[in-house]
PDB file of N, CA and C in Angstrom:
ATOM      1  N   MET A   1      45.851  88.235  -2.527  1.00  0.00           N
ATOM      2  CA  MET A   1      45.127  87.445  -1.295  1.00  0.00           C
ATOM      3  C   MET A   1      44.723  86.364  -2.129  1.00  0.00           C
ATOM      4  N   GLU A   2      44.857  85.093  -0.948  1.00  0.00           N
ATOM      5  CA  GLU A   2      44.447  83.718  -1.252  1.00  0.00           C
ATOM      6  C   GLU A   2      43.307  83.343  -0.302  1.00  0.00           C
ATOM      7  N   PHE A   3      42.420  82.514  -1.047  1.00  0.00           N
ATOM      8  CA  PHE A   3      41.329  82.211  -0.531  1.00  0.00           C
ATOM      9  C   PHE A   3      41.142  80.347  -0.812  1.00  0.00           C
ATOM     10  N   LYS A   4      40.991  79.902   0.360  1.00  0.00           N
ATOM     11  CA  LYS A   4      41.119  78.497   0.482  1.00  0.00           C
ATOM     12  C   LYS A   4      39.869  77.662   0.580  1.00  0.00           C
ATOM     13  N   VAL A   5      39.552  76.591   0.183  1.00  0.00           N
ATOM     14  CA  VAL A   5      38.341  75.930   0.759  1.00  0.00           C
ATOM     15  C   VAL A   5      38.833  74.501   0.652  1.00  0.00           C
ATOM     16  N   VAL A   6      38.313  73.497   1.601  1.00  0.00           N
ATOM     17  CA  VAL A   6      38.754  72.010   1.584  1.00  0.00           C
ATOM     18  C   VAL A   6      37.495  71.327   1.502  1.00  0.00           C
ATOM     19  N   SER A   7      36.782  70.408   0.811  1.00  0.00           N
ATOM     20  CA  SER A   7      36.006  69.656   0.741  1.00  0.00           C
ATOM     21  C   SER A   7      36.475  68.265   1.036  1.00  0.00           C
ATOM     22  N   LYS A   8      36.320  67.685   2.142  1.00  0.00           N
ATOM     23  CA  LYS A   8      36.501  66.395   2.363  1.00  0.00           C
ATOM     24  C   LYS A   8      35.501  65.404   2.092  1.00  0.00           C
ATOM     25  N   TYR A   9      36.115  64.154   2.331  1.00  0.00           N
ATOM     26  CA  TYR A   9      35.445  62.908   2.273  1.00  0.00           C
ATOM     27  C   TYR A   9      34.181  62.594   0.982  1.00  0.00           C
ATOM     28  N   LEU A  10      34.751  63.433  -0.376  1.00  0.00           N
ATOM     29  CA  LEU A  10      33.758  63.068  -1.269  1.00  0.00           C
ATOM     30  C   LEU A  10      33.714  61.941  -1.956  1.00  0.00           C
ATOM     31  N   ARG A  11      32.483  61.477  -2.075  1.00  0.00           N
ATOM     32  CA  ARG A  11      32.345  59.588  -2.517  1.00  0.00           C
ATOM     33  C   ARG A  11      32.755  59.399  -3.921  1.00  0.00           C
ATOM     34  N   VAL A  12      33.617  59.836  -4.271  1.00  0.00           N
ATOM     35  CA  VAL A  12      34.305  59.827  -5.965  1.00  0.00           C
ATOM     36  C   VAL A  12      35.472  59.827  -5.934  1.00  0.00           C
ATOM     37  N   SER A  13      36.383  58.962  -6.564  1.00  0.00           N
ATOM     38  CA  SER A  13      37.816  58.527  -6.568  1.00  0.00           C
ATOM     39  C   SER A  13      38.495  59.692  -6.964  1.00  0.00           C
ATOM     40  N   PRO A  14      39.598  60.098  -6.490  1.00  0.00           N
ATOM     41  CA  PRO A  14      40.462  61.132  -7.295  1.00  0.00           C
ATOM     42  C   PRO A  14      40.994  60.810  -8.524  1.00  0.00           C
ATOM     43  N   ARG A  15      40.962  59.621  -8.878  1.00  0.00           N
ATOM     44  CA  ARG A  15      41.289  59.304 -10.395  1.00  0.00           C
ATOM     45  C   ARG A  15      40.386  60.041 -11.146  1.00  0.00           C
ATOM     46  N   LYS A  16      38.943  59.849 -10.723  1.00  0.00           N
ATOM     47  CA  LYS A  16      38.032  60.542 -11.661  1.00  0.00           C
ATOM     48  C   LYS A  16      37.798  61.913 -11.741  1.00  0.00           C
ATOM     49  N   VAL A  17      38.149  62.500 -10.757  1.00  0.00           N
ATOM     50  CA  VAL A  17      38.159  63.874 -10.271  1.00  0.00           C
ATOM     51  C   VAL A  17      39.328  64.792 -11.046  1.00  0.00           C
ATOM     52  N   ARG A  18      40.374  64.146 -11.066  1.00  0.00           N
ATOM     53  CA  ARG A  18      41.549  64.770 -11.650  1.00  0.00           C
ATOM     54  C   ARG A  18      41.415  65.224 -12.853  1.00  0.00           C
ATOM     55  N   PRO A  19      40.847  64.542 -13.973  1.00  0.00           N
ATOM     56  CA  PRO A  19      40.798  65.016 -15.322  1.00  0.00           C
ATOM     57  C   PRO A  19      39.802  66.074 -15.618  1.00  0.00           C
ATOM     58  N   VAL A  20      38.967  66.247 -14.587  1.00  0.00           N
ATOM     59  CA  VAL A  20      37.834  67.394 -14.509  1.00  0.00           C
ATOM     60  C   VAL A  20      38.508  68.578 -13.921  1.00  0.00           C
ATOM     61  N   ILE A  21      39.073  68.642 -13.093  1.00  0.00           N
ATOM     62  CA  ILE A  21      39.823  69.671 -12.324  1.00  0.00           C
ATOM     63  C   ILE A  21      40.727  70.184 -12.930  1.00  0.00           C
ATOM     64  N   ARG A  22      41.630  69.113 -14.014  1.00  0.00           N
ATOM     65  CA  ARG A  22      42.618  69.882 -14.936  1.00  0.00           C
ATOM     66  C   ARG A  22      42.201  71.069 -15.732  1.00  0.00           C
ATOM     67  N   THR A  23      40.912  71.002 -16.297  1.00  0.00           N
ATOM     68  CA  THR A  23      40.580  71.756 -17.394  1.00  0.00           C
ATOM     69  C   THR A  23      40.333  73.430 -16.233  1.00  0.00           C
ATOM     70  N   LEU A  24      40.247  73.455 -15.194  1.00  0.00           N
ATOM     71  CA  LEU A  24      40.054  74.594 -14.411  1.00  0.00           C
ATOM     72  C   LEU A  24      40.869  75.708 -14.153  1.00  0.00           C
ATOM     73  N   ARG A  25      42.456  74.887 -13.651  1.00  0.00           N
ATOM     74  CA  ARG A  25      43.444  75.483 -13.467  1.00  0.00           C
ATOM     75  C   ARG A  25      43.706  76.956 -14.219  1.00  0.00           C
ATOM     76  N   GLY A  26      43.951  78.014 -13.700  1.00  0.00           N
ATOM     77  CA  GLY A  26      44.350  79.178 -14.428  1.00  0.00           C
ATOM     78  C   GLY A  26      43.192  79.968 -15.050  1.00  0.00           C
ATOM     79  N   ARG A  27      41.968  79.565 -14.767  1.00  0.00           N
ATOM     80  CA  ARG A  27      40.847  80.134 -15.201  1.00  0.00           C
ATOM     81  C   ARG A  27      39.804  80.911 -14.213  1.00  0.00           C
ATOM     82  N   THR A  28      39.077  81.955 -14.307  1.00  0.00           N
ATOM     83  CA  THR A  28      38.327  82.559 -13.756  1.00  0.00           C
ATOM     84  C   THR A  28      37.388  81.623 -12.969  1.00  0.00           C
ATOM     85  N   VAL A  29      36.960  82.280 -11.881  1.00  0.00           N
ATOM     86  CA  VAL A  29      35.928  81.407 -11.107  1.00  0.00           C
ATOM     87  C   VAL A  29      34.677  81.515 -11.880  1.00  0.00           C
ATOM     88  N   ASP A  30      34.127  82.289 -12.265  1.00  0.00           N
ATOM     89  CA  ASP A  30      33.067  82.405 -13.143  1.00  0.00           C
ATOM     90  C   ASP A  30      33.033  81.448 -14.390  1.00  0.00           C
ATOM     91  N   GLU A  31      34.094  81.427 -15.272  1.00  0.00           N
ATOM     92  CA  GLU A  31      34.292  80.513 -16.274  1.00  0.00           C
ATOM     93  C   GLU A  31      34.394  79.165 -15.742  1.00  0.00           C
ATOM     94  N   ALA A  32      34.919  78.928 -14.607  1.00  0.00           N
ATOM     95  CA  ALA A  32      35.288  77.601 -14.160  1.00  0.00           C
ATOM     96  C   ALA A  32      33.801  76.993 -13.638  1.00  0.00           C
ATOM     97  N   MET A  33      33.192  77.901 -12.815  1.00  0.00           N
ATOM     98  CA  MET A  33      31.467  77.559 -12.480  1.00  0.00           C
ATOM     99  C   MET A  33      30.646  77.165 -13.602  1.00  0.00           C
ATOM    100  N   SER A  34      30.762  78.053 -14.838  1.00  0.00           N
ATOM    101  CA  SER A  34      29.915  77.516 -15.445  1.00  0.00           C
ATOM    102  C   SER A  34      30.390  76.391 -16.441  1.00  0.00           C
ATOM    103  N   LEU A  35      31.886  75.935 -16.492  1.00  0.00           N
ATOM    104  CA  LEU A  35      32.145  74.906 -17.170  1.00  0.00           C
ATOM    105  C   LEU A  35      31.612  73.760 -16.415  1.00  0.00           C
ATOM    106  N   MET A  36      31.399  73.938 -14.991  1.00  0.00           N
ATOM    107  CA  MET A  36      31.269  72.664 -14.405  1.00  0.00           C
ATOM    108  C   MET A  36      29.539  72.341 -14.069  1.00  0.00           C
ATOM    109  N   ALA A  37      28.814  73.613 -14.452  1.00  0.00           N
ATOM    110  CA  ALA A  37      27.425  73.561 -14.630  1.00  0.00           C
ATOM    111  C   ALA A  37      27.001  72.792 -15.810  1.00  0.00           C
ATOM    112  N   PHE A  38      27.752  72.789 -16.919  1.00  0.00           N
ATOM    113  CA  PHE A  38      27.479  72.245 -18.217  1.00  0.00           C
ATOM    114  C   PHE A  38      28.220  70.813 -18.419  1.00  0.00           C
ATOM    115  N   THR A  39      29.176  70.422 -17.339  1.00  0.00           N
ATOM    116  CA  THR A  39      30.034  69.014 -17.394  1.00  0.00           C
ATOM    117  C   THR A  39      29.008  67.816 -16.563  1.00  0.00           C
ATOM    118  N   VAL A  40      29.097  67.049 -17.677  1.00  0.00           N
ATOM    119  CA  VAL A  40      28.569  65.363 -17.234  1.00  0.00           C
ATOM    120  C   VAL A  40      29.259  64.402 -16.632  1.00  0.00           C
ATOM    121  N   ARG A  41      29.770  64.823 -15.489  1.00  0.00           N
ATOM    122  CA  ARG A  41      30.758  64.030 -14.803  1.00  0.00           C
ATOM    123  C   ARG A  41      30.162  63.869 -13.349  1.00  0.00           C
ATOM    124  N   GLY A  42      30.386  62.779 -12.744  1.00  0.00           N
ATOM    125  CA  GLY A  42      30.012  62.723 -11.289  1.00  0.00           C
ATOM    126  C   GLY A  42      30.546  63.815 -10.254  1.00  0.00           C
ATOM    127  N   SER A  43      31.600  64.077 -10.660  1.00  0.00           N
ATOM    128  CA  SER A  43      32.409  64.825  -9.779  1.00  0.00           C
ATOM    129  C   SER A  43      31.956  66.262  -9.844  1.00  0.00           C
ATOM    130  N   SER A  44      31.503  66.750 -10.883  1.00  0.00           N
ATOM    131  CA  SER A  44      31.128  68.216 -11.212  1.00  0.00           C
ATOM    132  C   SER A  44      30.572  68.911 -10.347  1.00  0.00           C
ATOM    133  N   LYS A  45      29.421  68.169  -9.816  1.00  0.00           N
ATOM    134  CA  LYS A  45      28.434  68.816  -8.857  1.00  0.00           C
ATOM    135  C   LYS A  45      29.305  69.286  -7.404  1.00  0.00           C
ATOM    136  N   ASP A  46      30.171  68.448  -6.987  1.00  0.00           N
ATOM    137  CA  ASP A  46      30.972  68.477  -6.016  1.00  0.00           C
ATOM    138  C   ASP A  46      32.001  69.519  -6.137  1.00  0.00           C
ATOM    139  N   ILE A  47      32.340  69.584  -7.302  1.00  0.00           N
ATOM    140  CA  ILE A  47      33.506  70.486  -7.789  1.00  0.00           C
ATOM    141  C   ILE A  47      33.031  71.945  -7.870  1.00  0.00           C
ATOM    142  N   PHE A  48      31.407  71.896  -8.313  1.00  0.00           N
ATOM    143  CA  PHE A  48      30.969  73.446  -8.395  1.00  0.00           C
ATOM    144  C   PHE A  48      30.599  73.818  -6.839  1.00  0.00           C
ATOM    145  N   LYS A  49      30.233  73.063  -5.787  1.00  0.00           N
ATOM    146  CA  LYS A  49      29.800  73.656  -4.587  1.00  0.00           C
ATOM    147  C   LYS A  49      30.940  74.105  -4.291  1.00  0.00           C
ATOM    148  N   ALA A  50      32.348  73.344  -4.272  1.00  0.00           N
ATOM    149  CA  ALA A  50      33.509  73.938  -3.508  1.00  0.00           C
ATOM    150  C   ALA A  50      34.027  75.225  -3.987  1.00  0.00           C
ATOM    151  N   LEU A  51      34.006  75.405  -5.412  1.00  0.00           N
ATOM    152  CA  LEU A  51      33.904  76.578  -6.081  1.00  0.00           C
ATOM    153  C   LEU A  51      33.259  78.124  -5.387  1.00  0.00           C
ATOM    154  N   LYS A  52      31.773  77.561  -5.539  1.00  0.00           N
ATOM    155  CA  LYS A  52      30.934  78.299  -5.237  1.00  0.00           C
ATOM    156  C   LYS A  52      31.489  78.786  -3.533  1.00  0.00           C
ATOM    157  N   SER A  53      31.550  77.739  -2.510  1.00  0.00           N
ATOM    158  CA  SER A  53      31.886  78.382  -1.364  1.00  0.00           C
ATOM    159  C   SER A  53      33.266  78.921  -1.136  1.00  0.00           C
ATOM    160  N   ALA A  54      34.161  78.867  -2.006  1.00  0.00           N
ATOM    161  CA  ALA A  54      35.430  79.413  -2.137  1.00  0.00           C
ATOM    162  C   ALA A  54      34.928  81.101  -2.423  1.00  0.00           C
ATOM    163  N   ARG A  55      34.253  81.136  -3.592  1.00  0.00           N
ATOM    164  CA  ARG A  55      33.883  82.402  -3.698  1.00  0.00           C
ATOM    165  C   ARG A  55      32.865  83.380  -2.759  1.00  0.00           C
ATOM    166  N   ALA A  56      32.160  82.389  -2.191  1.00  0.00           N
ATOM    167  CA  ALA A  56      31.309  83.072  -1.108  1.00  0.00           C
ATOM    168  C   ALA A  56      32.620  83.352  -0.136  1.00  0.00           C
ATOM    169  N   ASN A  57      33.354  82.719   0.395  1.00  0.00           N
ATOM    170  CA  ASN A  57      34.455  82.919   1.307  1.00  0.00           C
ATOM    171  C   ASN A  57      35.447  84.253   0.870  1.00  0.00           C
ATOM    172  N   ALA A  58      35.632  84.430  -0.293  1.00  0.00           N
ATOM    173  CA  ALA A  58      36.383  85.341  -0.740  1.00  0.00           C
ATOM    174  C   ALA A  58      35.402  86.918  -0.689  1.00  0.00           C
ATOM    175  N   MET A  59      34.279  86.862  -1.135  1.00  0.00           N
ATOM    176  CA  MET A  59      33.412  88.052  -1.296  1.00  0.00           C
ATOM    177  C   MET A  59      33.130  88.192   0.310  1.00  0.00           C
ATOM    178  N   LEU A  60      33.001  87.526   1.341  1.00  0.00           N
ATOM    179  CA  LEU A  60      32.959  87.774   2.712  1.00  0.00           C
ATOM    180  C   LEU A  60      34.341  88.497   3.418  1.00  0.00           C
ATOM    181  N   LYS A  61      35.408  88.072   2.984  1.00  0.00           N
ATOM    182  CA  LYS A  61      36.344  88.863   3.169  1.00  0.00           C
ATOM    183  C   LYS A  61      36.931  90.005   2.615  1.00  0.00           C
ATOM    184  N   ASN A  62      36.401  90.144   1.454  1.00  0.00           N
ATOM    185  CA  ASN A  62      36.982  91.529   0.516  1.00  0.00           C
ATOM    186  C   ASN A  62      36.004  91.594  -0.434  1.00  0.00           C
ATOM    187  N   PRO A  63      35.044  92.217  -0.238  1.00  0.00           N
ATOM    188  CA  PRO A  63      33.528  92.256  -1.132  1.00  0.00           C
ATOM    189  C   PRO A  63      34.077  93.021  -2.385  1.00  0.00           C
ATOM    190  N   ASP A  64      34.980  93.791  -2.218  1.00  0.00           N
ATOM    191  CA  ASP A  64      35.290  94.797  -3.383  1.00  0.00           C
ATOM    192  C   ASP A  64      36.258  93.989  -4.669  1.00  0.00           C
ATOM    193  N   ILE A  65      36.431  92.895  -4.711  1.00  0.00           N
ATOM    194  CA  ILE A  65      37.310  91.839  -5.486  1.00  0.00           C
ATOM    195  C   ILE A  65      36.523  91.867  -6.549  1.00  0.00           C
ATOM    196  N   LYS A  66      37.057  92.264  -7.764  1.00  0.00           N
ATOM    197  CA  LYS A  66      36.509  92.232  -8.965  1.00  0.00           C
ATOM    198  C   LYS A  66      36.564  90.799 -10.009  1.00  0.00           C
ATOM    199  N   LYS A  67      37.479  90.189  -9.723  1.00  0.00           N
ATOM    200  CA  LYS A  67      37.878  89.048 -10.569  1.00  0.00           C
ATOM    201  C   LYS A  67      38.692  88.291  -9.662  1.00  0.00           C
ATOM    202  N   LEU A  68      38.351  86.666  -9.563  1.00  0.00           N
ATOM    203  CA  LEU A  68      38.963  85.850  -8.833  1.00  0.00           C
ATOM    204  C   LEU A  68      39.457  84.923 -10.006  1.00  0.00           C
ATOM    205  N   TRP A  69      40.707  83.829  -9.765  1.00  0.00           N
ATOM    206  CA  TRP A  69      41.072  83.277 -10.408  1.00  0.00           C
ATOM    207  C   TRP A  69      41.243  81.796  -9.728  1.00  0.00           C
ATOM    208  N   VAL A  70      41.449  80.780 -10.286  1.00  0.00           N
ATOM    209  CA  VAL A  70      41.675  79.373  -9.539  1.00  0.00           C
ATOM    210  C   VAL A  70      43.204  79.159  -9.581  1.00  0.00           C
ATOM    211  N   SER A  71      43.723  79.247  -8.623  1.00  0.00           N
ATOM    212  CA  SER A  71      45.424  79.140  -9.060  1.00  0.00           C
ATOM    213  C   SER A  71      45.764  77.919  -8.801  1.00  0.00           C
ATOM    214  N   ARG A  72      45.198  77.158  -7.897  1.00  0.00           N
ATOM    215  CA  ARG A  72      45.474  75.903  -7.455  1.00  0.00           C
ATOM    216  C   ARG A  72      44.181  74.939  -7.144  1.00  0.00           C
ATOM    217  N   ILE A  73      43.960  73.813  -7.620  1.00  0.00           N
ATOM    218  CA  ILE A  73      42.821  72.841  -7.234  1.00  0.00           C
ATOM    219  C   ILE A  73      43.453  71.808  -7.426  1.00  0.00           C
ATOM    220  N   VAL A  74      43.333  70.698  -6.265  1.00  0.00           N
ATOM    221  CA  VAL A  74      43.888  69.665  -6.183  1.00  0.00           C
ATOM    222  C   VAL A  74      42.882  68.455  -5.492  1.00  0.00           C
ATOM    223  N   ALA A  75      43.023  67.504  -6.081  1.00  0.00           N
ATOM    224  CA  ALA A  75      42.022  66.317  -5.479  1.00  0.00           C
ATOM    225  C   ALA A  75      42.939  65.410  -4.976  1.00  0.00           C
ATOM    226  N   ASP A  76      42.906  64.866  -3.544  1.00  0.00           N
ATOM    227  CA  ASP A  76      44.070  64.114  -2.957  1.00  0.00           C
ATOM    228  C   ASP A  76      43.017  62.826  -2.333  1.00  0.00           C
ATOM    229  N   ALA A  77      43.876  61.677  -2.106  1.00  0.00           N
ATOM    230  CA  ALA A  77      42.996  60.602  -1.812  1.00  0.00           C
ATOM    231  C   ALA A  77      42.628  60.634  -0.359  1.00  0.00           C
ATOM    232  N   GLY A  78      41.321  60.497  -0.037  1.00  0.00           N
ATOM    233  CA  GLY A  78      40.984  60.168   1.556  1.00  0.00           C
ATOM    234  C   GLY A  78      40.996  58.846   2.195  1.00  0.00           C
ATOM    235  N   PRO A  79      40.398  58.600   2.914  1.00  0.00           N
ATOM    236  CA  PRO A  79      40.379  57.234   3.424  1.00  0.00           C
ATOM    237  C   PRO A  79      39.332  56.350   2.555  1.00  0.00           C
ATOM    238  N   GLN A  80      39.578  54.979   2.486  1.00  0.00           N
ATOM    239  CA  GLN A  80      39.010  54.028   1.576  1.00  0.00           C
ATOM    240  C   GLN A  80      37.709  53.080   2.600  1.00  0.00           C
ATOM    241  N   LEU A  81      36.763  53.003   2.144  1.00  0.00           N
ATOM    242  CA  LEU A  81      35.732  52.337   2.791  1.00  0.00           C
ATOM    243  C   LEU A  81      36.127  50.621   2.360  1.00  0.00           C
ATOM    244  N   LYS A  82      36.170  49.811   3.068  1.00  0.00           N
ATOM    245  CA  LYS A  82      36.747  48.551   2.683  1.00  0.00           C
ATOM    246  C   LYS A  82      35.368  47.677   2.650  1.00  0.00           C
ATOM    247  N   ARG A  83      34.966  46.994   1.535  1.00  0.00           N
ATOM    248  CA  ARG A  83      33.828  46.208   1.607  1.00  0.00           C
ATOM    249  C   ARG A  83      34.170  44.900   1.109  1.00  0.00           C
ATOM    250  N   TRP A  84      33.153  43.801   0.955  1.00  0.00           N
ATOM    251  CA  TRP A  84      33.549  42.467   0.442  1.00  0.00           C
ATOM    252  C   TRP A  84      32.604  41.993  -0.463  1.00  0.00           C
ATOM    253  N   LYS A  85      32.786  41.205  -1.415  1.00  0.00           N
ATOM    254  CA  LYS A  85      31.985  40.710  -2.098  1.00  0.00           C
ATOM    255  C   LYS A  85      31.930  39.234  -2.358  1.00  0.00           C
ATOM    256  N   ALA A  86      31.050  38.399  -2.360  1.00  0.00           N
ATOM    257  CA  ALA A  86      30.872  37.029  -2.459  1.00  0.00           C
ATOM    258  C   ALA A  86      31.481  36.493  -3.847  1.00  0.00           C
ATOM    259  N   ILE A  87      32.649  35.761  -4.251  1.00  0.00           N
ATOM    260  CA  ILE A  87      32.748  35.067  -5.267  1.00  0.00           C
ATOM    261  C   ILE A  87      32.519  33.736  -5.058  1.00  0.00           C
ATOM    262  N   SER A  88      32.797  32.960  -6.303  1.00  0.00           N
ATOM    263  CA  SER A  88      32.859  31.488  -6.267  1.00  0.00           C
ATOM    264  C   SER A  88      33.543  30.649  -5.156  1.00  0.00           C
ATOM    265  N   ARG A  89      32.993  29.273  -4.812  1.00  0.00           N
ATOM    266  CA  ARG A  89      33.671  28.524  -3.701  1.00  0.00           C
ATOM    267  C   ARG A  89      33.677  29.292  -2.327  1.00  0.00           C
ATOM    268  N   GLY A  90      32.833  29.936  -2.182  1.00  0.00           N
ATOM    269  CA  GLY A  90      32.791  30.476  -0.774  1.00  0.00           C
ATOM    270  C   GLY A  90      33.406  31.305  -0.170  1.00  0.00           C
ATOM    271  N   ARG A  91      34.333  31.968  -1.525  1.00  0.00           N
ATOM    272  CA  ARG A  91      35.286  33.052  -1.018  1.00  0.00           C
ATOM    273  C   ARG A  91      34.910  34.342  -1.051  1.00  0.00           C
ATOM    274  N   ALA A  92      35.720  35.215  -0.704  1.00  0.00           N
ATOM    275  CA  ALA A  92      35.480  36.691  -0.780  1.00  0.00           C
ATOM    276  C   ALA A  92      36.173  37.532  -1.564  1.00  0.00           C
ATOM    277  N   SER A  93      35.812  38.527  -2.134  1.00  0.00           N
ATOM    278  CA  SER A  93      36.777  39.538  -2.979  1.00  0.00           C
ATOM    279  C   SER A  93      36.378  40.903  -2.354  1.00  0.00           C
ATOM    280  N   LYS A  94      37.821  41.735  -2.182  1.00  0.00           N
ATOM    281  CA  LYS A  94      37.675  42.774  -1.554  1.00  0.00           C
ATOM    282  C   LYS A  94      36.970  43.758  -2.511  1.00  0.00           C
ATOM    283  N   ILE A  95      36.220  44.872  -2.010  1.00  0.00           N
ATOM    284  CA  ILE A  95      36.049  46.148  -2.812  1.00  0.00           C
ATOM    285  C   ILE A  95      36.552  47.096  -1.955  1.00  0.00           C
ATOM    286  N   LEU A  96      37.183  48.345  -2.914  1.00  0.00           N
ATOM    287  CA  LEU A  96      37.814  49.469  -2.177  1.00  0.00           C
ATOM    288  C   LEU A  96      36.948  50.683  -2.584  1.00  0.00           C
ATOM    289  N   LYS A  97      36.165  51.162  -1.530  1.00  0.00           N
ATOM    290  CA  LYS A  97      35.248  52.282  -1.892  1.00  0.00           C
ATOM    291  C   LYS A  97      36.167  53.363  -1.648  1.00  0.00           C
ATOM    292  N   ARG A  98      36.464  54.227  -2.811  1.00  0.00           N
ATOM    293  CA  ARG A  98      37.407  55.475  -2.573  1.00  0.00           C
ATOM    294  C   ARG A  98      36.897  56.787  -2.389  1.00  0.00           C
ATOM    295  N   THR A  99      37.594  57.569  -1.701  1.00  0.00           N
ATOM    296  CA  THR A  99      37.117  59.176  -1.319  1.00  0.00           C
ATOM    297  C   THR A  99      38.323  59.735  -1.659  1.00  0.00           C
ATOM    298  N   SER A 100      37.675  61.076  -1.790  1.00  0.00           N
ATOM    299  CA  SER A 100      38.811  62.080  -2.170  1.00  0.00           C
ATOM    300  C   SER A 100      38.292  63.276  -1.436  1.00  0.00           C
ATOM    301  N   HIS A 101      39.660  64.065  -1.138  1.00  0.00           N
ATOM    302  CA  HIS A 101      39.605  65.616  -0.368  1.00  0.00           C
ATOM    303  C   HIS A 101      39.946  66.337  -1.639  1.00  0.00           C
ATOM    304  N   LEU A 102      39.157  67.454  -1.730  1.00  0.00           N
ATOM    305  CA  LEU A 102      39.107  68.253  -2.865  1.00  0.00           C
ATOM    306  C   LEU A 102      39.662  69.799  -2.110  1.00  0.00           C
ATOM    307  N   THR A 103      41.001  70.350  -2.783  1.00  0.00           N
ATOM    308  CA  THR A 103      41.410  71.435  -2.320  1.00  0.00           C
ATOM    309  C   THR A 103      41.412  72.603  -3.305  1.00  0.00           C
ATOM    310  N   VAL A 104      41.073  73.918  -3.151  1.00  0.00           N
ATOM    311  CA  VAL A 104      40.700  74.670  -4.274  1.00  0.00           C
ATOM    312  C   VAL A 104      41.013  76.069  -3.241  1.00  0.00           C
ATOM    313  N   ILE A 105      42.004  76.590  -4.256  1.00  0.00           N
ATOM    314  CA  ILE A 105      42.796  77.900  -3.821  1.00  0.00           C
ATOM    315  C   ILE A 105      42.684  79.061  -4.901  1.00  0.00           C
ATOM    316  N   LEU A 106      41.963  80.059  -4.455  1.00  0.00           N
ATOM    317  CA  LEU A 106      41.694  81.036  -5.685  1.00  0.00           C
ATOM    318  C   LEU A 106      42.462  82.625  -5.102  1.00  0.00           C
ATOM    319  N   THR A 107      42.744  83.005  -6.011  1.00  0.00           N
ATOM    320  CA  THR A 107      43.753  84.184  -5.876  1.00  0.00           C
ATOM    321  C   THR A 107      43.135  85.483  -6.961  1.00  0.00           C
ATOM    322  N   ASP A 108      43.222  86.870  -5.969  1.00  0.00           N
ATOM    323  CA  ASP A 108      42.955  87.832  -6.965  1.00  0.00           C
ATOM    324  C   ASP A 108      43.890  88.449  -7.959  1.00  0.00           C
ATOM    325  N   THR A 109      44.662  87.834  -8.043  1.00  0.00           N
ATOM    326  CA  THR A 109      45.791  88.228  -9.006  1.00  0.00           C
ATOM    327  C   THR A 109      45.774  87.000 -10.190  1.00  0.00           C
ATOM    328  N   VAL A 110      46.229  87.165 -11.333  1.00  0.00           N
ATOM    329  CA  VAL A 110      46.596  86.204 -12.465  1.00  0.00           C
ATOM    330  C   VAL A 110      47.344  85.414 -11.949  1.00  0.00           C
ATOM    331  N   PRO A 111      47.227  84.300 -12.122  1.00  0.00           N
ATOM    332  CA  PRO A 111      48.230  82.942 -11.405  1.00  0.00           C
ATOM    333  C   PRO A 111      49.443  82.808 -12.716  1.00  0.00           C
ATOM    334  N   GLY A 112      50.305  82.719 -12.347  1.00  0.00           N
ATOM    335  CA  GLY A 112      51.536  82.540 -13.297  1.00  0.00           C
ATOM    336  C   GLY A 112      51.676  83.756 -14.389  1.00  0.00           C
ATOM    337  N   GLY A 113      51.165  84.626 -14.164  1.00  0.00           N
ATOM    338  CA  GLY A 113      51.199  85.635 -15.388  1.00  0.00           C
ATOM    339  C   GLY A 113      50.375  85.248 -16.645  1.00  0.00           C
ATOM    340  N   GLN A 114      49.254  84.054 -16.430  1.00  0.00           N
ATOM    341  CA  GLN A 114      48.588  84.010 -17.628  1.00  0.00           C
ATOM    342  C   GLN A 114      47.642  84.761 -18.122  1.00  0.00           C
ATOM    343  N   LYS A 115      47.188  84.936 -19.456  1.00  0.00           N
ATOM    344  CA  LYS A 115      46.233  85.720 -19.799  1.00  0.00           C
ATOM    345  C   LYS A 115      46.266  87.024 -19.819  1.00  0.00           C
TER     346      LYS A 115
END
């Protein structure tokens, strides 16, 4: 069975989230959550919350699941907040405040025959 959670409009750039989530693919949910608890990156709290929510959804739908695996985790680009900053000679420079959408898919079987 697959269990899916989507966290939208996270106020962190997808470019900063992707290296963190790359370490989680193919691990158990408990391993991934413990890694995120001790990771010192801005996005680790949001990823931890998404993993916790996905695990809770899985336990509600099927409470006798013993182990859950992170089969797929993806950070996509969300909308950009467009701002401006005053620079010299009365000009303006644009600032893009990027957001991301995080998708977590858990399965109760080992993904890809690993481990």
